[in-house]
PDB file of N, CA and C in Angstrom:
ATOM      1  N   MET A   1      99.745 146.977  59.258  1.00  0.00           N
ATOM      2  CA  MET A   1     100.908 146.139  59.229  1.00  0.00           C
ATOM      3  C   MET A   1     102.120 147.024  58.940  1.00  0.00           C
ATOM      4  N   ASP A   2     103.219 146.714  59.564  1.00  0.00           N
ATOM      5  CA  ASP A   2     104.396 147.555  59.413  1.00  0.00           C
ATOM      6  C   ASP A   2     105.582 146.720  58.935  1.00  0.00           C
ATOM      7  N   ILE A   3     105.860 146.777  57.640  1.00  0.00           N
ATOM      8  CA  ILE A   3     107.039 146.124  57.087  1.00  0.00           C
ATOM      9  C   ILE A   3     107.794 147.155  56.256  1.00  0.00           C
ATOM     10  N   PRO A   4     109.060 146.929  55.977  1.00  0.00           N
ATOM     11  CA  PRO A   4     109.822 147.896  55.183  1.00  0.00           C
ATOM     12  C   PRO A   4     109.197 148.124  53.808  1.00  0.00           C
ATOM     13  N   VAL A   5     109.342 149.337  53.321  1.00  0.00           N
ATOM     14  CA  VAL A   5     108.776 149.709  52.020  1.00  0.00           C
ATOM     15  C   VAL A   5     109.310 148.798  50.919  1.00  0.00           C
ATOM     16  N   ALA A   6     110.574 148.431  51.004  1.00  0.00           N
ATOM     17  CA  ALA A   6     111.164 147.563  49.976  1.00  0.00           C
ATOM     18  C   ALA A   6     110.412 146.237  49.875  1.00  0.00           C
ATOM     19  N   TRP A   7     110.011 145.669  51.005  1.00  0.00           N
ATOM     20  CA  TRP A   7     109.266 144.413  50.980  1.00  0.00           C
ATOM     21  C   TRP A   7     107.868 144.615  50.388  1.00  0.00           C
ATOM     22  N   SER A   8     107.269 145.756  50.671  1.00  0.00           N
ATOM     23  CA  SER A   8     105.962 146.061  50.072  1.00  0.00           C
ATOM     24  C   SER A   8     106.084 146.136  48.556  1.00  0.00           C
ATOM     25  N   VAL A   9     107.138 146.748  48.094  1.00  0.00           N
ATOM     26  CA  VAL A   9     107.364 146.857  46.646  1.00  0.00           C
ATOM     27  C   VAL A   9     107.606 145.469  46.048  1.00  0.00           C
ATOM     28  N   VAL A  10     108.352 144.630  46.737  1.00  0.00           N
ATOM     29  CA  VAL A  10     108.583 143.259  46.261  1.00  0.00           C
ATOM     30  C   VAL A  10     107.253 142.511  46.131  1.00  0.00           C
ATOM     31  N   LEU A  11     106.386 142.670  47.103  1.00  0.00           N
ATOM     32  CA  LEU A  11     105.074 142.009  47.041  1.00  0.00           C
ATOM     33  C   LEU A  11     104.268 142.506  45.843  1.00  0.00           C
ATOM     34  N   ILE A  12     104.274 143.795  45.612  1.00  0.00           N
ATOM     35  CA  ILE A  12     103.507 144.378  44.507  1.00  0.00           C
ATOM     36  C   ILE A  12     104.085 143.939  43.165  1.00  0.00           C
ATOM     37  N   VAL A  13     105.404 143.963  43.038  1.00  0.00           N
ATOM     38  CA  VAL A  13     106.049 143.538  41.791  1.00  0.00           C
ATOM     39  C   VAL A  13     105.776 142.052  41.537  1.00  0.00           C
ATOM     40  N   THR A  14     105.833 141.253  42.578  1.00  0.00           N
ATOM     41  CA  THR A  14     105.540 139.825  42.446  1.00  0.00           C
ATOM     42  C   THR A  14     104.111 139.613  41.955  1.00  0.00           C
ATOM     43  N   ALA A  15     103.180 140.351  42.527  1.00  0.00           N
ATOM     44  CA  ALA A  15     101.780 140.236  42.110  1.00  0.00           C
ATOM     45  C   ALA A  15     101.620 140.643  40.645  1.00  0.00           C
ATOM     46  N   LEU A  16     102.231 141.752  40.264  1.00  0.00           N
ATOM     47  CA  LEU A  16     102.128 142.210  38.876  1.00  0.00           C
ATOM     48  C   LEU A  16     102.739 141.201  37.913  1.00  0.00           C
ATOM     49  N   TRP A  17     103.877 140.645  38.293  1.00  0.00           N
ATOM     50  CA  TRP A  17     104.533 139.633  37.462  1.00  0.00           C
ATOM     51  C   TRP A  17     103.601 138.447  37.236  1.00  0.00           C
ATOM     52  N   ASN A  18     103.006 137.944  38.299  1.00  0.00           N
ATOM     53  CA  ASN A  18     102.108 136.798  38.185  1.00  0.00           C
ATOM     54  C   ASN A  18     100.848 137.137  37.395  1.00  0.00           C
ATOM     55  N   LEU A  19     100.329 138.327  37.580  1.00  0.00           N
ATOM     56  CA  LEU A  19      99.132 138.730  36.841  1.00  0.00           C
ATOM     57  C   LEU A  19      99.427 138.927  35.360  1.00  0.00           C
ATOM     58  N   LEU A  20     100.667 139.168  35.025  1.00  0.00           N
ATOM     59  CA  LEU A  20     101.074 139.299  33.627  1.00  0.00           C
ATOM     60  C   LEU A  20     101.363 137.936  32.999  1.00  0.00           C
ATOM     61  N   ILE A  21     102.063 137.080  33.708  1.00  0.00           N
ATOM     62  CA  ILE A  21     102.545 135.820  33.150  1.00  0.00           C
ATOM     63  C   ILE A  21     101.461 134.743  33.034  1.00  0.00           C
ATOM     64  N   TRP A  22     100.676 134.534  34.090  1.00  0.00           N
ATOM     65  CA  TRP A  22      99.740 133.409  34.082  1.00  0.00           C
ATOM     66  C   TRP A  22      98.668 133.484  33.004  1.00  0.00           C
ATOM     67  N   PRO A  23      98.076 134.635  32.715  1.00  0.00           N
ATOM     68  CA  PRO A  23      97.099 134.667  31.612  1.00  0.00           C
ATOM     69  C   PRO A  23      97.735 134.307  30.258  1.00  0.00           C
ATOM     70  N   ARG A  24      98.972 134.727  30.043  1.00  0.00           N
ATOM     71  CA  ARG A  24      99.663 134.369  28.797  1.00  0.00           C
ATOM     72  C   ARG A  24      99.925 132.863  28.745  1.00  0.00           C
ATOM     73  N   PHE A  25     100.265 132.283  29.886  1.00  0.00           N
ATOM     74  CA  PHE A  25     100.470 130.832  29.960  1.00  0.00           C
ATOM     75  C   PHE A  25      99.157 130.117  29.638  1.00  0.00           C
ATOM     76  N   ARG A  26      98.052 130.653  30.142  1.00  0.00           N
ATOM     77  CA  ARG A  26      96.741 130.052  29.874  1.00  0.00           C
ATOM     78  C   ARG A  26      96.448 130.024  28.379  1.00  0.00           C
ATOM     79  N   GLN A  27      96.799 131.092  27.681  1.00  0.00           N
ATOM     80  CA  GLN A  27      96.581 131.118  26.236  1.00  0.00           C
ATOM     81  C   GLN A  27      97.327 129.967  25.555  1.00  0.00           C
ATOM     82  N   ARG A  28      98.537 129.704  26.001  1.00  0.00           N
ATOM     83  CA  ARG A  28      99.321 128.616  25.420  1.00  0.00           C
ATOM     84  C   ARG A  28      98.731 127.254  25.769  1.00  0.00           C
ATOM     85  N   ILE A  29      98.224 127.115  26.989  1.00  0.00           N
ATOM     86  CA  ILE A  29      97.618 125.846  27.404  1.00  0.00           C
ATOM     87  C   ILE A  29      96.345 125.579  26.607  1.00  0.00           C
ATOM     88  N   VAL A  30      95.514 126.583  26.455  1.00  0.00           N
ATOM     89  CA  VAL A  30      94.255 126.412  25.713  1.00  0.00           C
ATOM     90  C   VAL A  30      94.533 126.050  24.255  1.00  0.00           C
ATOM     91  N   ALA A  31      95.588 126.606  23.670  1.00  0.00           N
ATOM     92  CA  ALA A  31      95.924 126.315  22.277  1.00  0.00           C
ATOM     93  C   ALA A  31      96.618 124.965  22.100  1.00  0.00           C
ATOM     94  N   ASP A  32      97.089 124.376  23.175  1.00  0.00           N
ATOM     95  CA  ASP A  32      97.807 123.103  23.104  1.00  0.00           C
ATOM     96  C   ASP A  32      96.839 121.991  22.692  1.00  0.00           C
ATOM     97  N   PRO A  33      97.232 121.145  21.754  1.00  0.00           N
ATOM     98  CA  PRO A  33      96.333 120.063  21.309  1.00  0.00           C
ATOM     99  C   PRO A  33      95.979 119.070  22.412  1.00  0.00           C
ATOM    100  N   ARG A  34      96.767 119.007  23.463  1.00  0.00           N
ATOM    101  CA  ARG A  34      96.460 118.086  24.566  1.00  0.00           C
ATOM    102  C   ARG A  34      95.310 118.591  25.432  1.00  0.00           C
ATOM    103  N   SER A  35      94.855 119.822  25.215  1.00  0.00           N
ATOM    104  CA  SER A  35      93.806 120.407  26.049  1.00  0.00           C
ATOM    105  C   SER A  35      92.408 119.881  25.742  1.00  0.00           C
ATOM    106  N   ARG A  36      92.231 119.368  24.540  1.00  0.00           N
ATOM    107  CA  ARG A  36      90.910 118.868  24.118  1.00  0.00           C
ATOM    108  C   ARG A  36      91.053 117.471  23.540  1.00  0.00           C
ATOM    109  N   ASP A  37      90.043 116.648  23.796  1.00  0.00           N
ATOM    110  CA  ASP A  37      90.063 115.312  23.198  1.00  0.00           C
ATOM    111  C   ASP A  37      89.469 115.383  21.787  1.00  0.00           C
ATOM    112  N   ALA A  38      89.311 114.251  21.155  1.00  0.00           N
ATOM    113  CA  ALA A  38      88.811 114.197  19.782  1.00  0.00           C
ATOM    114  C   ALA A  38      87.398 114.762  19.648  1.00  0.00           C
ATOM    115  N   ASP A  39      86.632 114.707  20.734  1.00  0.00           N
ATOM    116  CA  ASP A  39      85.261 115.235  20.712  1.00  0.00           C
ATOM    117  C   ASP A  39      85.198 116.703  21.107  1.00  0.00           C
ATOM    118  N   GLY A  40      86.335 117.304  21.421  1.00  0.00           N
ATOM    119  CA  GLY A  40      86.367 118.717  21.790  1.00  0.00           C
ATOM    120  C   GLY A  40      86.159 118.992  23.269  1.00  0.00           C
ATOM    121  N   ARG A  41      86.093 117.923  24.076  1.00  0.00           N
ATOM    122  CA  ARG A  41      85.908 118.096  25.518  1.00  0.00           C
ATOM    123  C   ARG A  41      87.248 118.386  26.188  1.00  0.00           C
ATOM    124  N   ALA A  42      87.183 119.131  27.282  1.00  0.00           N
ATOM    125  CA  ALA A  42      88.391 119.455  28.042  1.00  0.00           C
ATOM    126  C   ALA A  42      89.003 118.185  28.627  1.00  0.00           C
ATOM    127  N   THR A  43      90.320 118.095  28.544  1.00  0.00           N
ATOM    128  CA  THR A  43      91.036 116.950  29.110  1.00  0.00           C
ATOM    129  C   THR A  43      91.515 117.289  30.520  1.00  0.00           C
ATOM    130  N   LYS A  44      92.066 116.285  31.194  1.00  0.00           N
ATOM    131  CA  LYS A  44      92.626 116.530  32.520  1.00  0.00           C
ATOM    132  C   LYS A  44      93.794 117.502  32.445  1.00  0.00           C
ATOM    133  N   PHE A  45      94.515 117.477  31.346  1.00  0.00           N
ATOM    134  CA  PHE A  45      95.618 118.415  31.124  1.00  0.00           C
ATOM    135  C   PHE A  45      95.124 119.852  31.246  1.00  0.00           C
ATOM    136  N   LEU A  46      94.034 120.163  30.567  1.00  0.00           N
ATOM    137  CA  LEU A  46      93.468 121.510  30.619  1.00  0.00           C
ATOM    138  C   LEU A  46      92.893 121.809  32.000  1.00  0.00           C
ATOM    139  N   THR A  47      92.200 120.854  32.578  1.00  0.00           N
ATOM    140  CA  THR A  47      91.584 121.062  33.884  1.00  0.00           C
ATOM    141  C   THR A  47      92.622 121.338  34.964  1.00  0.00           C
ATOM    142  N   VAL A  48      93.658 120.516  35.016  1.00  0.00           N
ATOM    143  CA  VAL A  48      94.700 120.695  36.029  1.00  0.00           C
ATOM    144  C   VAL A  48      95.398 122.034  35.853  1.00  0.00           C
ATOM    145  N   HIS A  49      95.742 122.370  34.626  1.00  0.00           N
ATOM    146  CA  HIS A  49      96.423 123.639  34.401  1.00  0.00           C
ATOM    147  C   HIS A  49      95.506 124.827  34.687  1.00  0.00           C
ATOM    148  N   SER A  50      94.236 124.696  34.403  1.00  0.00           N
ATOM    149  CA  SER A  50      93.286 125.779  34.705  1.00  0.00           C
ATOM    150  C   SER A  50      93.194 126.018  36.210  1.00  0.00           C
ATOM    151  N   VAL A  51      93.190 124.941  36.982  1.00  0.00           N
ATOM    152  CA  VAL A  51      93.156 125.075  38.444  1.00  0.00           C
ATOM    153  C   VAL A  51      94.446 125.727  38.943  1.00  0.00           C
ATOM    154  N   LEU A  52      95.581 125.285  38.433  1.00  0.00           N
ATOM    155  CA  LEU A  52      96.857 125.882  38.832  1.00  0.00           C
ATOM    156  C   LEU A  52      96.902 127.379  38.508  1.00  0.00           C
ATOM    157  N   ILE A  53      96.422 127.732  37.341  1.00  0.00           N
ATOM    158  CA  ILE A  53      96.419 129.136  36.931  1.00  0.00           C
ATOM    159  C   ILE A  53      95.477 129.943  37.819  1.00  0.00           C
ATOM    160  N   ALA A  54      94.298 129.410  38.093  1.00  0.00           N
ATOM    161  CA  ALA A  54      93.335 130.126  38.941  1.00  0.00           C
ATOM    162  C   ALA A  54      93.886 130.350  40.348  1.00  0.00           C
ATOM    163  N   VAL A  55      94.501 129.328  40.923  1.00  0.00           N
ATOM    164  CA  VAL A  55      95.077 129.459  42.264  1.00  0.00           C
ATOM    165  C   VAL A  55      96.213 130.480  42.242  1.00  0.00           C
ATOM    166  N   SER A  56      97.052 130.424  41.230  1.00  0.00           N
ATOM    167  CA  SER A  56      98.171 131.366  41.128  1.00  0.00           C
ATOM    168  C   SER A  56      97.685 132.802  40.980  1.00  0.00           C
ATOM    169  N   LEU A  57      96.640 133.014  40.216  1.00  0.00           N
ATOM    170  CA  LEU A  57      96.093 134.370  40.065  1.00  0.00           C
ATOM    171  C   LEU A  57      95.455 134.856  41.365  1.00  0.00           C
ATOM    172  N   ALA A  58      94.780 133.957  42.071  1.00  0.00           N
ATOM    173  CA  ALA A  58      94.188 134.338  43.357  1.00  0.00           C
ATOM    174  C   ALA A  58      95.282 134.722  44.358  1.00  0.00           C
ATOM    175  N   LEU A  59      96.349 133.932  44.392  1.00  0.00           N
ATOM    176  CA  LEU A  59      97.477 134.261  45.283  1.00  0.00           C
ATOM    177  C   LEU A  59      98.141 135.574  44.863  1.00  0.00           C
ATOM    178  N   ALA A  60      98.241 135.806  43.572  1.00  0.00           N
ATOM    179  CA  ALA A  60      98.824 137.061  43.089  1.00  0.00           C
ATOM    180  C   ALA A  60      97.996 138.258  43.558  1.00  0.00           C
ATOM    181  N   LEU A  61      96.681 138.125  43.471  1.00  0.00           N
ATOM    182  CA  LEU A  61      95.822 139.214  43.953  1.00  0.00           C
ATOM    183  C   LEU A  61      95.991 139.433  45.452  1.00  0.00           C
ATOM    184  N   ALA A  62      96.058 138.351  46.194  1.00  0.00           N
ATOM    185  CA  ALA A  62      96.227 138.465  47.646  1.00  0.00           C
ATOM    186  C   ALA A  62      97.566 139.127  47.991  1.00  0.00           C
ATOM    187  N   VAL A  63      98.628 138.710  47.322  1.00  0.00           N
ATOM    188  CA  VAL A  63      99.947 139.287  47.567  1.00  0.00           C
ATOM    189  C   VAL A  63      99.961 140.767  47.172  1.00  0.00           C
ATOM    190  N   GLY A  64      99.319 141.089  46.060  1.00  0.00           N
ATOM    191  CA  GLY A  64      99.248 142.489  45.626  1.00  0.00           C
ATOM    192  C   GLY A  64      98.502 143.355  46.616  1.00  0.00           C
ATOM    193  N   VAL A  65      97.378 142.861  47.108  1.00  0.00           N
ATOM    194  CA  VAL A  65      96.605 143.615  48.112  1.00  0.00           C
ATOM    195  C   VAL A  65      97.430 143.775  49.382  1.00  0.00           C
ATOM    196  N   LEU A  66      98.108 142.717  49.795  1.00  0.00           N
ATOM    197  CA  LEU A  66      98.954 142.804  50.975  1.00  0.00           C
ATOM    198  C   LEU A  66     100.057 143.838  50.792  1.00  0.00           C
ATOM    199  N   GLY A  67     100.673 143.857  49.614  1.00  0.00           N
ATOM    200  CA  GLY A  67     101.709 144.848  49.331  1.00  0.00           C
ATOM    201  C   GLY A  67     101.182 146.272  49.393  1.00  0.00           C
ATOM    202  N   ILE A  68      99.991 146.472  48.854  1.00  0.00           N
ATOM    203  CA  ILE A  68      99.392 147.821  48.877  1.00  0.00           C
ATOM    204  C   ILE A  68      99.011 148.221  50.302  1.00  0.00           C
ATOM    205  N   VAL A  69      98.402 147.292  51.033  1.00  0.00           N
ATOM    206  CA  VAL A  69      97.988 147.584  52.399  1.00  0.00           C
ATOM    207  C   VAL A  69      99.188 147.934  53.267  1.00  0.00           C
ATOM    208  N   THR A  70     100.301 147.264  53.058  1.00  0.00           N
ATOM    209  CA  THR A  70     101.478 147.540  53.884  1.00  0.00           C
ATOM    210  C   THR A  70     102.128 148.867  53.533  1.00  0.00           C
ATOM    211  N   LEU A  71     101.822 149.407  52.377  1.00  0.00           N
ATOM    212  CA  LEU A  71     102.345 150.730  52.023  1.00  0.00           C
ATOM    213  C   LEU A  71     101.546 151.844  52.686  1.00  0.00           C
ATOM    214  N   LEU A  72     100.304 151.579  53.013  1.00  0.00           N
ATOM    215  CA  LEU A  72      99.426 152.613  53.577  1.00  0.00           C
ATOM    216  C   LEU A  72      99.652 152.824  55.052  1.00  0.00           C
TER     217      LEU A  72
END
């Protein structure tokens, strides 16, 4: 693939940003009292946010790989 180096760097920086931010967000979600019910089971709040975080991390990896591949 042939794109300008600047765009490859943007893709890599975007991936790194997402890989840094989303795990920290997950820590806050897991610690939130809305994440567990009175019996300690995961709530929909935790489930939905876990799915969003997983999808975002997967996209971050894909964007990062794309950025690296376009540099080569």
